[in-house]
């Protein structure tokens, strides 16, 4: 699994810059830069159930499914980077991206 840290504090799954989900998905099939990827698992805190994070103790290790076939860390649609950073988070999650994306 990949160590994931997340700076998208508007995401319902962000807890102390870790992800409370067991896994995330990154989109950006033909991406050439981090800004062309998105965290498709993003859900705004306002639209998520208010008790979504109660009792959840996130760990840095997170399964990362990745559709960015142009990334050097993508192996069989799974991220094989040792660690990644999800960044961004404009209105309604626009601008979330995999800050660790590296083109092949």
PDB file of N, CA and C in Angstrom:
ATOM      1  N   UNK A   1       0.833  -1.178   0.000  1.00  0.00           N
ATOM      2  CA  UNK A   1       0.000   0.000   0.000  1.00  0.00           C
ATOM      3  C   UNK A   1       0.880   1.244   0.000  1.00  0.00           C
ATOM      4  N   UNK A   2       0.274   2.333  -0.370  1.00  0.00           N
ATOM      5  CA  UNK A   2       0.964   3.606  -0.500  1.00  0.00           C
ATOM      6  C   UNK A   2       0.704   4.476   0.721  1.00  0.00           C
ATOM      7  N   UNK A   3       1.728   5.164   1.212  1.00  0.00           N
ATOM      8  CA  UNK A   3       1.529   6.144   2.277  1.00  0.00           C
ATOM      9  C   UNK A   3       0.916   7.384   1.651  1.00  0.00           C
ATOM     10  N   UNK A   4      -0.257   7.769   2.119  1.00  0.00           N
ATOM     11  CA  UNK A   4      -0.988   8.880   1.536  1.00  0.00           C
ATOM     12  C   UNK A   4      -1.138   9.993   2.565  1.00  0.00           C
ATOM     13  N   UNK A   5      -0.798  11.198   2.163  1.00  0.00           N
ATOM     14  CA  UNK A   5      -1.130  12.367   2.970  1.00  0.00           C
ATOM     15  C   UNK A   5      -1.983  13.276   2.086  1.00  0.00           C
ATOM     16  N   UNK A   6      -2.843  14.053   2.740  1.00  0.00           N
ATOM     17  CA  UNK A   6      -3.817  14.832   1.988  1.00  0.00           C
ATOM     18  C   UNK A   6      -3.939  16.228   2.574  1.00  0.00           C
ATOM     19  N   UNK A   7      -3.786  17.228   1.728  1.00  0.00           N
ATOM     20  CA  UNK A   7      -3.920  18.609   2.179  1.00  0.00           C
ATOM     21  C   UNK A   7      -5.288  19.193   1.849  1.00  0.00           C
ATOM     22  N   UNK A   8      -6.211  18.346   1.369  1.00  0.00           N
ATOM     23  CA  UNK A   8      -7.546  18.811   0.971  1.00  0.00           C
ATOM     24  C   UNK A   8      -8.460  18.771   2.194  1.00  0.00           C
ATOM     25  N   UNK A   9      -8.410  19.825   3.000  1.00  0.00           N
ATOM     26  CA  UNK A   9      -9.152  19.837   4.257  1.00  0.00           C
ATOM     27  C   UNK A   9     -10.658  19.976   4.070  1.00  0.00           C
ATOM     28  N   UNK A  10     -11.125  20.288   2.867  1.00  0.00           N
ATOM     29  CA  UNK A  10     -12.563  20.361   2.606  1.00  0.00           C
ATOM     30  C   UNK A  10     -13.159  18.979   2.340  1.00  0.00           C
ATOM     31  N   UNK A  11     -12.326  17.947   2.291  1.00  0.00           N
ATOM     32  CA  UNK A  11     -12.802  16.585   2.016  1.00  0.00           C
ATOM     33  C   UNK A  11     -13.306  15.939   3.301  1.00  0.00           C
ATOM     34  N   UNK A  12     -14.439  15.261   3.204  1.00  0.00           N
ATOM     35  CA  UNK A  12     -15.051  14.592   4.354  1.00  0.00           C
ATOM     36  C   UNK A  12     -14.162  13.485   4.905  1.00  0.00           C
ATOM     37  N   UNK A  13     -13.280  12.927   4.101  1.00  0.00           N
ATOM     38  CA  UNK A  13     -12.433  11.817   4.537  1.00  0.00           C
ATOM     39  C   UNK A  13     -11.109  12.271   5.135  1.00  0.00           C
ATOM     40  N   UNK A  14     -10.815  13.576   5.080  1.00  0.00           N
ATOM     41  CA  UNK A  14      -9.558  14.090   5.604  1.00  0.00           C
ATOM     42  C   UNK A  14      -9.640  14.205   7.121  1.00  0.00           C
ATOM     43  N   UNK A  15      -8.740  13.512   7.779  1.00  0.00           N
ATOM     44  CA  UNK A  15      -8.659  13.577   9.235  1.00  0.00           C
ATOM     45  C   UNK A  15      -7.190  13.718   9.595  1.00  0.00           C
ATOM     46  N   UNK A  16      -6.812  14.906  10.051  1.00  0.00           N
ATOM     47  CA  UNK A  16      -5.426  15.203  10.414  1.00  0.00           C
ATOM     48  C   UNK A  16      -4.466  14.944   9.249  1.00  0.00           C
ATOM     49  N   UNK A  17      -4.869  15.323   8.051  1.00  0.00           N
ATOM     50  CA  UNK A  17      -4.092  15.188   6.814  1.00  0.00           C
ATOM     51  C   UNK A  17      -3.847  13.737   6.398  1.00  0.00           C
ATOM     52  N   UNK A  18      -4.640  12.824   6.945  1.00  0.00           N
ATOM     53  CA  UNK A  18      -4.646  11.437   6.510  1.00  0.00           C
ATOM     54  C   UNK A  18      -6.027  11.160   5.945  1.00  0.00           C
ATOM     55  N   UNK A  19      -6.163  10.075   5.207  1.00  0.00           N
ATOM     56  CA  UNK A  19      -7.446   9.726   4.610  1.00  0.00           C
ATOM     57  C   UNK A  19      -8.130   8.656   5.456  1.00  0.00           C
ATOM     58  N   UNK A  20      -9.380   8.915   5.821  1.00  0.00           N
ATOM     59  CA  UNK A  20     -10.143   7.971   6.634  1.00  0.00           C
ATOM     60  C   UNK A  20     -10.776   6.866   5.789  1.00  0.00           C
ATOM     61  N   UNK A  21     -10.612   6.924   4.480  1.00  0.00           N
ATOM     62  CA  UNK A  21     -11.114   5.859   3.601  1.00  0.00           C
ATOM     63  C   UNK A  21     -10.077   4.739   3.554  1.00  0.00           C
ATOM     64  N   UNK A  22     -10.519   3.528   3.274  1.00  0.00           N
ATOM     65  CA  UNK A  22      -9.585   2.403   3.143  1.00  0.00           C
ATOM     66  C   UNK A  22      -8.829   2.472   1.822  1.00  0.00           C
ATOM     67  N   UNK A  23      -9.377   3.215   0.879  1.00  0.00           N
ATOM     68  CA  UNK A  23      -8.736   3.361  -0.412  1.00  0.00           C
ATOM     69  C   UNK A  23      -9.329   4.537  -1.162  1.00  0.00           C
ATOM     70  N   UNK A  24      -8.568   5.070  -2.106  1.00  0.00           N
ATOM     71  CA  UNK A  24      -9.045   6.164  -2.946  1.00  0.00           C
ATOM     72  C   UNK A  24      -8.826   5.800  -4.404  1.00  0.00           C
ATOM     73  N   UNK A  25      -9.425   6.607  -5.274  1.00  0.00           N
ATOM     74  CA  UNK A  25      -9.239   6.451  -6.715  1.00  0.00           C
ATOM     75  C   UNK A  25      -8.755   7.775  -7.291  1.00  0.00           C
ATOM     76  N   UNK A  26      -7.771   7.671  -8.164  1.00  0.00           N
ATOM     77  CA  UNK A  26      -7.239   8.835  -8.863  1.00  0.00           C
ATOM     78  C   UNK A  26      -7.600   8.684 -10.335  1.00  0.00           C
ATOM     79  N   UNK A  27      -8.186   9.723 -10.907  1.00  0.00           N
ATOM     80  CA  UNK A  27      -8.529   9.744 -12.326  1.00  0.00           C
ATOM     81  C   UNK A  27      -7.561  10.646 -13.073  1.00  0.00           C
ATOM     82  N   UNK A  28      -7.554  10.508 -14.384  1.00  0.00           N
ATOM     83  CA  UNK A  28      -6.684  11.321 -15.240  1.00  0.00           C
ATOM     84  C   UNK A  28      -6.055  10.437 -16.290  1.00  0.00           C
ATOM     85  N   UNK A  29      -6.892   9.715 -17.004  1.00  0.00           N
ATOM     86  CA  UNK A  29      -6.458   8.675 -17.935  1.00  0.00           C
ATOM     87  C   UNK A  29      -5.244   9.062 -18.771  1.00  0.00           C
ATOM     88  N   UNK A  30      -5.274  10.205 -19.415  1.00  0.00           N
ATOM     89  CA  UNK A  30      -4.173  10.638 -20.294  1.00  0.00           C
ATOM     90  C   UNK A  30      -3.442  11.853 -19.719  1.00  0.00           C
ATOM     91  N   UNK A  31      -3.358  11.942 -18.410  1.00  0.00           N
ATOM     92  CA  UNK A  31      -2.727  13.100 -17.748  1.00  0.00           C
ATOM     93  C   UNK A  31      -1.262  13.239 -18.153  1.00  0.00           C
ATOM     94  N   UNK A  32      -0.831  14.496 -18.202  1.00  0.00           N
ATOM     95  CA  UNK A  32       0.576  14.815 -18.462  1.00  0.00           C
ATOM     96  C   UNK A  32       1.186  15.609 -17.314  1.00  0.00           C
ATOM     97  N   UNK A  33       0.349  16.011 -16.365  1.00  0.00           N
ATOM     98  CA  UNK A  33       0.813  16.784 -15.208  1.00  0.00           C
ATOM     99  C   UNK A  33      -0.126  16.514 -14.034  1.00  0.00           C
ATOM    100  N   UNK A  34       0.305  16.820 -12.819  1.00  0.00           N
ATOM    101  CA  UNK A  34      -0.559  16.604 -11.657  1.00  0.00           C
ATOM    102  C   UNK A  34      -1.913  17.293 -11.776  1.00  0.00           C
ATOM    103  N   UNK A  35      -1.951  18.486 -12.367  1.00  0.00           N
ATOM    104  CA  UNK A  35      -3.208  19.233 -12.464  1.00  0.00           C
ATOM    105  C   UNK A  35      -4.234  18.549 -13.368  1.00  0.00           C
ATOM    106  N   UNK A  36      -3.803  17.572 -14.157  1.00  0.00           N
ATOM    107  CA  UNK A  36      -4.726  16.835 -15.022  1.00  0.00           C
ATOM    108  C   UNK A  36      -5.246  15.564 -14.355  1.00  0.00           C
ATOM    109  N   UNK A  37      -4.915  15.360 -13.079  1.00  0.00           N
ATOM    110  CA  UNK A  37      -5.442  14.231 -12.312  1.00  0.00           C
ATOM    111  C   UNK A  37      -6.455  14.762 -11.300  1.00  0.00           C
ATOM    112  N   UNK A  38      -7.299  13.886 -10.791  1.00  0.00           N
ATOM    113  CA  UNK A  38      -8.249  14.262  -9.744  1.00  0.00           C
ATOM    114  C   UNK A  38      -8.383  13.109  -8.769  1.00  0.00           C
ATOM    115  N   UNK A  39      -8.679  13.431  -7.531  1.00  0.00           N
ATOM    116  CA  UNK A  39      -9.040  12.408  -6.554  1.00  0.00           C
ATOM    117  C   UNK A  39     -10.540  12.199  -6.712  1.00  0.00           C
ATOM    118  N   UNK A  40     -10.922  11.152  -7.395  1.00  0.00           N
ATOM    119  CA  UNK A  40     -12.343  10.930  -7.663  1.00  0.00           C
ATOM    120  C   UNK A  40     -13.092  10.421  -6.438  1.00  0.00           C
ATOM    121  N   UNK A  41     -12.385  10.157  -5.355  1.00  0.00           N
ATOM    122  CA  UNK A  41     -13.023   9.738  -4.105  1.00  0.00           C
ATOM    123  C   UNK A  41     -13.418  10.935  -3.244  1.00  0.00           C
ATOM    124  N   UNK A  42     -13.049  12.132  -3.672  1.00  0.00           N
ATOM    125  CA  UNK A  42     -13.350  13.348  -2.915  1.00  0.00           C
ATOM    126  C   UNK A  42     -14.847  13.478  -2.673  1.00  0.00           C
ATOM    127  N   UNK A  43     -15.186  13.808  -1.433  1.00  0.00           N
ATOM    128  CA  UNK A  43     -16.567  14.136  -1.080  1.00  0.00           C
ATOM    129  C   UNK A  43     -16.509  15.300  -0.097  1.00  0.00           C
ATOM    130  N   UNK A  44     -17.182  16.373  -0.422  1.00  0.00           N
ATOM    131  CA  UNK A  44     -17.139  17.554   0.436  1.00  0.00           C
ATOM    132  C   UNK A  44     -17.741  17.259   1.812  1.00  0.00           C
ATOM    133  N   UNK A  45     -17.167  17.876   2.815  1.00  0.00           N
ATOM    134  CA  UNK A  45     -17.671  17.700   4.181  1.00  0.00           C
ATOM    135  C   UNK A  45     -19.144  18.049   4.282  1.00  0.00           C
ATOM    136  N   UNK A  46     -19.587  19.020   3.518  1.00  0.00           N
ATOM    137  CA  UNK A  46     -20.976  19.466   3.598  1.00  0.00           C
ATOM    138  C   UNK A  46     -21.963  18.450   3.044  1.00  0.00           C
ATOM    139  N   UNK A  47     -21.536  17.605   2.095  1.00  0.00           N
ATOM    140  CA  UNK A  47     -22.457  16.642   1.499  1.00  0.00           C
ATOM    141  C   UNK A  47     -22.365  15.260   2.143  1.00  0.00           C
ATOM    142  N   UNK A  48     -21.381  15.049   3.002  1.00  0.00           N
ATOM    143  CA  UNK A  48     -21.196  13.739   3.642  1.00  0.00           C
ATOM    144  C   UNK A  48     -22.022  13.665   4.926  1.00  0.00           C
ATOM    145  N   UNK A  49     -22.391  12.452   5.341  1.00  0.00           N
ATOM    146  CA  UNK A  49     -23.066  12.315   6.628  1.00  0.00           C
ATOM    147  C   UNK A  49     -22.189  12.873   7.747  1.00  0.00           C
ATOM    148  N   UNK A  50     -22.778  13.568   8.678  1.00  0.00           N
ATOM    149  CA  UNK A  50     -22.011  14.227   9.728  1.00  0.00           C
ATOM    150  C   UNK A  50     -21.245  13.258  10.617  1.00  0.00           C
ATOM    151  N   UNK A  51     -21.686  12.010  10.696  1.00  0.00           N
ATOM    152  CA  UNK A  51     -21.005  11.032  11.545  1.00  0.00           C
ATOM    153  C   UNK A  51     -20.021  10.173  10.762  1.00  0.00           C
ATOM    154  N   UNK A  52     -19.676  10.580   9.562  1.00  0.00           N
ATOM    155  CA  UNK A  52     -18.848   9.760   8.673  1.00  0.00           C
ATOM    156  C   UNK A  52     -17.481   9.420   9.261  1.00  0.00           C
ATOM    157  N   UNK A  53     -16.904  10.292  10.061  1.00  0.00           N
ATOM    158  CA  UNK A  53     -15.556  10.056  10.575  1.00  0.00           C
ATOM    159  C   UNK A  53     -15.522   9.648  12.043  1.00  0.00           C
ATOM    160  N   UNK A  54     -16.683   9.533  12.673  1.00  0.00           N
ATOM    161  CA  UNK A  54     -16.694   9.160  14.088  1.00  0.00           C
ATOM    162  C   UNK A  54     -16.072   7.784  14.281  1.00  0.00           C
ATOM    163  N   UNK A  55     -15.137   7.698  15.187  1.00  0.00           N
ATOM    164  CA  UNK A  55     -14.516   6.419  15.509  1.00  0.00           C
ATOM    165  C   UNK A  55     -13.520   5.900  14.489  1.00  0.00           C
ATOM    166  N   UNK A  56     -13.281   6.645  13.426  1.00  0.00           N
ATOM    167  CA  UNK A  56     -12.345   6.213  12.386  1.00  0.00           C
ATOM    168  C   UNK A  56     -10.947   6.698  12.754  1.00  0.00           C
ATOM    169  N   UNK A  57      -9.996   5.787  12.714  1.00  0.00           N
ATOM    170  CA  UNK A  57      -8.600   6.123  12.988  1.00  0.00           C
ATOM    171  C   UNK A  57      -7.802   5.867  11.716  1.00  0.00           C
ATOM    172  N   UNK A  58      -7.645   6.906  10.878  1.00  0.00           N
ATOM    173  CA  UNK A  58      -6.950   6.704   9.615  1.00  0.00           C
ATOM    174  C   UNK A  58      -5.474   6.384   9.816  1.00  0.00           C
ATOM    175  N   UNK A  59      -4.946   5.634   8.889  1.00  0.00           N
ATOM    176  CA  UNK A  59      -3.529   5.303   8.877  1.00  0.00           C
ATOM    177  C   UNK A  59      -2.940   5.852   7.582  1.00  0.00           C
ATOM    178  N   UNK A  60      -1.657   6.097   7.563  1.00  0.00           N
ATOM    179  CA  UNK A  60      -1.058   6.611   6.330  1.00  0.00           C
ATOM    180  C   UNK A  60      -1.172   5.636   5.151  1.00  0.00           C
ATOM    181  N   UNK A  61      -1.150   4.325   5.430  1.00  0.00           N
ATOM    182  CA  UNK A  61      -1.188   3.339   4.355  1.00  0.00           C
ATOM    183  C   UNK A  61      -2.600   3.265   3.775  1.00  0.00           C
ATOM    184  N   UNK A  62      -2.714   3.525   2.484  1.00  0.00           N
ATOM    185  CA  UNK A  62      -4.003   3.572   1.808  1.00  0.00           C
ATOM    186  C   UNK A  62      -3.875   2.918   0.442  1.00  0.00           C
ATOM    187  N   UNK A  63      -4.851   2.128   0.076  1.00  0.00           N
ATOM    188  CA  UNK A  63      -4.883   1.542  -1.271  1.00  0.00           C
ATOM    189  C   UNK A  63      -5.250   2.657  -2.248  1.00  0.00           C
ATOM    190  N   UNK A  64      -4.428   2.849  -3.266  1.00  0.00           N
ATOM    191  CA  UNK A  64      -4.676   3.903  -4.245  1.00  0.00           C
ATOM    192  C   UNK A  64      -4.861   3.265  -5.615  1.00  0.00           C
ATOM    193  N   UNK A  65      -6.103   3.283  -6.092  1.00  0.00           N
ATOM    194  CA  UNK A  65      -6.397   2.839  -7.457  1.00  0.00           C
ATOM    195  C   UNK A  65      -6.148   4.033  -8.365  1.00  0.00           C
ATOM    196  N   UNK A  66      -5.548   3.779  -9.505  1.00  0.00           N
ATOM    197  CA  UNK A  66      -5.142   4.891 -10.358  1.00  0.00           C
ATOM    198  C   UNK A  66      -5.472   4.607 -11.822  1.00  0.00           C
ATOM    199  N   UNK A  67      -6.205   5.550 -12.422  1.00  0.00           N
ATOM    200  CA  UNK A  67      -6.550   5.436 -13.831  1.00  0.00           C
ATOM    201  C   UNK A  67      -5.577   6.203 -14.721  1.00  0.00           C
ATOM    202  N   UNK A  68      -4.603   6.892 -14.128  1.00  0.00           N
ATOM    203  CA  UNK A  68      -3.644   7.687 -14.896  1.00  0.00           C
ATOM    204  C   UNK A  68      -2.576   6.763 -15.483  1.00  0.00           C
ATOM    205  N   UNK A  69      -2.889   6.197 -16.636  1.00  0.00           N
ATOM    206  CA  UNK A  69      -1.986   5.209 -17.241  1.00  0.00           C
ATOM    207  C   UNK A  69      -0.670   5.821 -17.707  1.00  0.00           C
ATOM    208  N   UNK A  70      -0.611   7.137 -17.746  1.00  0.00           N
ATOM    209  CA  UNK A  70       0.613   7.822 -18.169  1.00  0.00           C
ATOM    210  C   UNK A  70       1.551   8.097 -17.000  1.00  0.00           C
ATOM    211  N   UNK A  71       1.182   7.693 -15.786  1.00  0.00           N
ATOM    212  CA  UNK A  71       2.031   7.929 -14.611  1.00  0.00           C
ATOM    213  C   UNK A  71       3.007   6.773 -14.415  1.00  0.00           C
ATOM    214  N   UNK A  72       4.240   7.092 -14.111  1.00  0.00           N
ATOM    215  CA  UNK A  72       5.251   6.044 -13.927  1.00  0.00           C
ATOM    216  C   UNK A  72       4.993   5.176 -12.694  1.00  0.00           C
ATOM    217  N   UNK A  73       4.182   5.647 -11.760  1.00  0.00           N
ATOM    218  CA  UNK A  73       3.883   4.883 -10.546  1.00  0.00           C
ATOM    219  C   UNK A  73       2.708   3.931 -10.733  1.00  0.00           C
ATOM    220  N   UNK A  74       2.012   4.034 -11.867  1.00  0.00           N
ATOM    221  CA  UNK A  74       0.841   3.197 -12.125  1.00  0.00           C
ATOM    222  C   UNK A  74       1.279   1.829 -12.637  1.00  0.00           C
ATOM    223  N   UNK A  75       0.906   0.807 -11.888  1.00  0.00           N
ATOM    224  CA  UNK A  75       1.157  -0.571 -12.311  1.00  0.00           C
ATOM    225  C   UNK A  75      -0.145  -1.340 -12.159  1.00  0.00           C
ATOM    226  N   UNK A  76      -0.742  -1.685 -13.279  1.00  0.00           N
ATOM    227  CA  UNK A  76      -1.992  -2.431 -13.249  1.00  0.00           C
ATOM    228  C   UNK A  76      -3.113  -1.676 -12.566  1.00  0.00           C
ATOM    229  N   UNK A  77      -3.164  -0.369 -12.780  1.00  0.00           N
ATOM    230  CA  UNK A  77      -4.172   0.529 -12.208  1.00  0.00           C
ATOM    231  C   UNK A  77      -4.095   0.639 -10.689  1.00  0.00           C
ATOM    232  N   UNK A  78      -2.924   0.396 -10.133  1.00  0.00           N
ATOM    233  CA  UNK A  78      -2.652   0.614  -8.711  1.00  0.00           C
ATOM    234  C   UNK A  78      -1.412   1.487  -8.605  1.00  0.00           C
ATOM    235  N   UNK A  79      -1.415   2.397  -7.634  1.00  0.00           N
ATOM    236  CA  UNK A  79      -0.259   3.254  -7.422  1.00  0.00           C
ATOM    237  C   UNK A  79       0.805   2.474  -6.671  1.00  0.00           C
ATOM    238  N   UNK A  80       2.015   2.470  -7.194  1.00  0.00           N
ATOM    239  CA  UNK A  80       3.132   1.767  -6.561  1.00  0.00           C
ATOM    240  C   UNK A  80       4.182   2.727  -6.005  1.00  0.00           C
ATOM    241  N   UNK A  81       3.832   4.017  -5.918  1.00  0.00           N
ATOM    242  CA  UNK A  81       4.740   4.977  -5.285  1.00  0.00           C
ATOM    243  C   UNK A  81       4.782   4.678  -3.789  1.00  0.00           C
ATOM    244  N   UNK A  82       5.920   4.925  -3.163  1.00  0.00           N
ATOM    245  CA  UNK A  82       6.029   4.719  -1.715  1.00  0.00           C
ATOM    246  C   UNK A  82       5.082   5.631  -0.960  1.00  0.00           C
ATOM    247  N   UNK A  83       4.921   6.860  -1.464  1.00  0.00           N
ATOM    248  CA  UNK A  83       4.017   7.806  -0.816  1.00  0.00           C
ATOM    249  C   UNK A  83       3.485   8.782  -1.855  1.00  0.00           C
ATOM    250  N   UNK A  84       2.291   9.300  -1.596  1.00  0.00           N
ATOM    251  CA  UNK A  84       1.719  10.330  -2.464  1.00  0.00           C
ATOM    252  C   UNK A  84       1.091  11.412  -1.607  1.00  0.00           C
ATOM    253  N   UNK A  85       0.886  12.569  -2.245  1.00  0.00           N
ATOM    254  CA  UNK A  85       0.222  13.698  -1.599  1.00  0.00           C
ATOM    255  C   UNK A  85      -0.941  14.113  -2.484  1.00  0.00           C
ATOM    256  N   UNK A  86      -2.140  14.127  -1.922  1.00  0.00           N
ATOM    257  CA  UNK A  86      -3.292  14.664  -2.632  1.00  0.00           C
ATOM    258  C   UNK A  86      -3.385  16.128  -2.236  1.00  0.00           C
ATOM    259  N   UNK A  87      -3.500  16.990  -3.230  1.00  0.00           N
ATOM    260  CA  UNK A  87      -3.487  18.439  -3.016  1.00  0.00           C
ATOM    261  C   UNK A  87      -4.703  19.089  -3.663  1.00  0.00           C
ATOM    262  N   UNK A  88      -4.845  20.368  -3.428  1.00  0.00           N
ATOM    263  CA  UNK A  88      -5.885  21.160  -4.079  1.00  0.00           C
ATOM    264  C   UNK A  88      -7.103  21.323  -3.210  1.00  0.00           C
ATOM    265  N   UNK A  89      -8.252  21.302  -3.846  1.00  0.00           N
ATOM    266  CA  UNK A  89      -9.497  21.379  -3.104  1.00  0.00           C
ATOM    267  C   UNK A  89     -10.209  22.700  -3.199  1.00  0.00           C
ATOM    268  N   UNK A  90     -10.426  23.166  -4.412  1.00  0.00           N
ATOM    269  CA  UNK A  90     -11.215  24.377  -4.598  1.00  0.00           C
ATOM    270  C   UNK A  90     -12.682  24.095  -4.311  1.00  0.00           C
ATOM    271  N   UNK A  91     -13.555  24.983  -4.715  1.00  0.00           N
ATOM    272  CA  UNK A  91     -14.982  24.800  -4.479  1.00  0.00           C
ATOM    273  C   UNK A  91     -15.479  23.456  -5.019  1.00  0.00           C
ATOM    274  N   UNK A  92     -16.230  22.748  -4.202  1.00  0.00           N
ATOM    275  CA  UNK A  92     -16.805  21.445  -4.576  1.00  0.00           C
ATOM    276  C   UNK A  92     -15.736  20.448  -5.007  1.00  0.00           C
ATOM    277  N   UNK A  93     -14.533  20.594  -4.487  1.00  0.00           N
ATOM    278  CA  UNK A  93     -13.478  19.635  -4.769  1.00  0.00           C
ATOM    279  C   UNK A  93     -12.751  19.862  -6.078  1.00  0.00           C
ATOM    280  N   UNK A  94     -13.140  20.910  -6.801  1.00  0.00           N
ATOM    281  CA  UNK A  94     -12.433  21.170  -8.050  1.00  0.00           C
ATOM    282  C   UNK A  94     -10.965  21.440  -7.729  1.00  0.00           C
ATOM    283  N   UNK A  95     -10.111  20.917  -8.525  1.00  0.00           N
ATOM    284  CA  UNK A  95      -8.695  21.159  -8.330  1.00  0.00           C
ATOM    285  C   UNK A  95      -7.991  20.121  -7.454  1.00  0.00           C
ATOM    286  N   UNK A  96      -8.700  19.100  -6.956  1.00  0.00           N
ATOM    287  CA  UNK A  96      -7.984  18.063  -6.234  1.00  0.00           C
ATOM    288  C   UNK A  96      -7.118  17.327  -7.234  1.00  0.00           C
ATOM    289  N   UNK A  97      -5.917  16.980  -6.849  1.00  0.00           N
ATOM    290  CA  UNK A  97      -5.033  16.260  -7.756  1.00  0.00           C
ATOM    291  C   UNK A  97      -3.983  15.477  -6.993  1.00  0.00           C
ATOM    292  N   UNK A  98      -3.403  14.532  -7.700  1.00  0.00           N
ATOM    293  CA  UNK A  98      -2.303  13.740  -7.141  1.00  0.00           C
ATOM    294  C   UNK A  98      -1.015  14.544  -7.337  1.00  0.00           C
ATOM    295  N   UNK A  99      -0.515  15.090  -6.269  1.00  0.00           N
ATOM    296  CA  UNK A  99       0.693  15.912  -6.347  1.00  0.00           C
ATOM    297  C   UNK A  99       1.949  15.118  -6.642  1.00  0.00           C
ATOM    298  N   UNK A 100       1.847  13.790  -6.623  1.00  0.00           N
ATOM    299  CA  UNK A 100       3.000  12.931  -6.837  1.00  0.00           C
ATOM    300  C   UNK A 100       3.043  12.379  -8.257  1.00  0.00           C
ATOM    301  N   UNK A 101       2.040  12.726  -9.078  1.00  0.00           N
ATOM    302  CA  UNK A 101       2.007  12.253 -10.459  1.00  0.00           C
ATOM    303  C   UNK A 101       3.335  12.554 -11.143  1.00  0.00           C
ATOM    304  N   UNK A 102       3.869  11.560 -11.850  1.00  0.00           N
ATOM    305  CA  UNK A 102       5.100  11.720 -12.621  1.00  0.00           C
ATOM    306  C   UNK A 102       4.907  11.026 -13.957  1.00  0.00           C
ATOM    307  N   UNK A 103       4.970  11.784 -15.033  1.00  0.00           N
ATOM    308  CA  UNK A 103       4.763  11.228 -16.359  1.00  0.00           C
ATOM    309  C   UNK A 103       5.848  10.215 -16.692  1.00  0.00           C
ATOM    310  N   UNK A 104       5.472   9.184 -17.451  1.00  0.00           N
ATOM    311  CA  UNK A 104       6.431   8.164 -17.896  1.00  0.00           C
ATOM    312  C   UNK A 104       7.393   8.763 -18.889  1.00  0.00           C
TER     313      UNK A 104
END
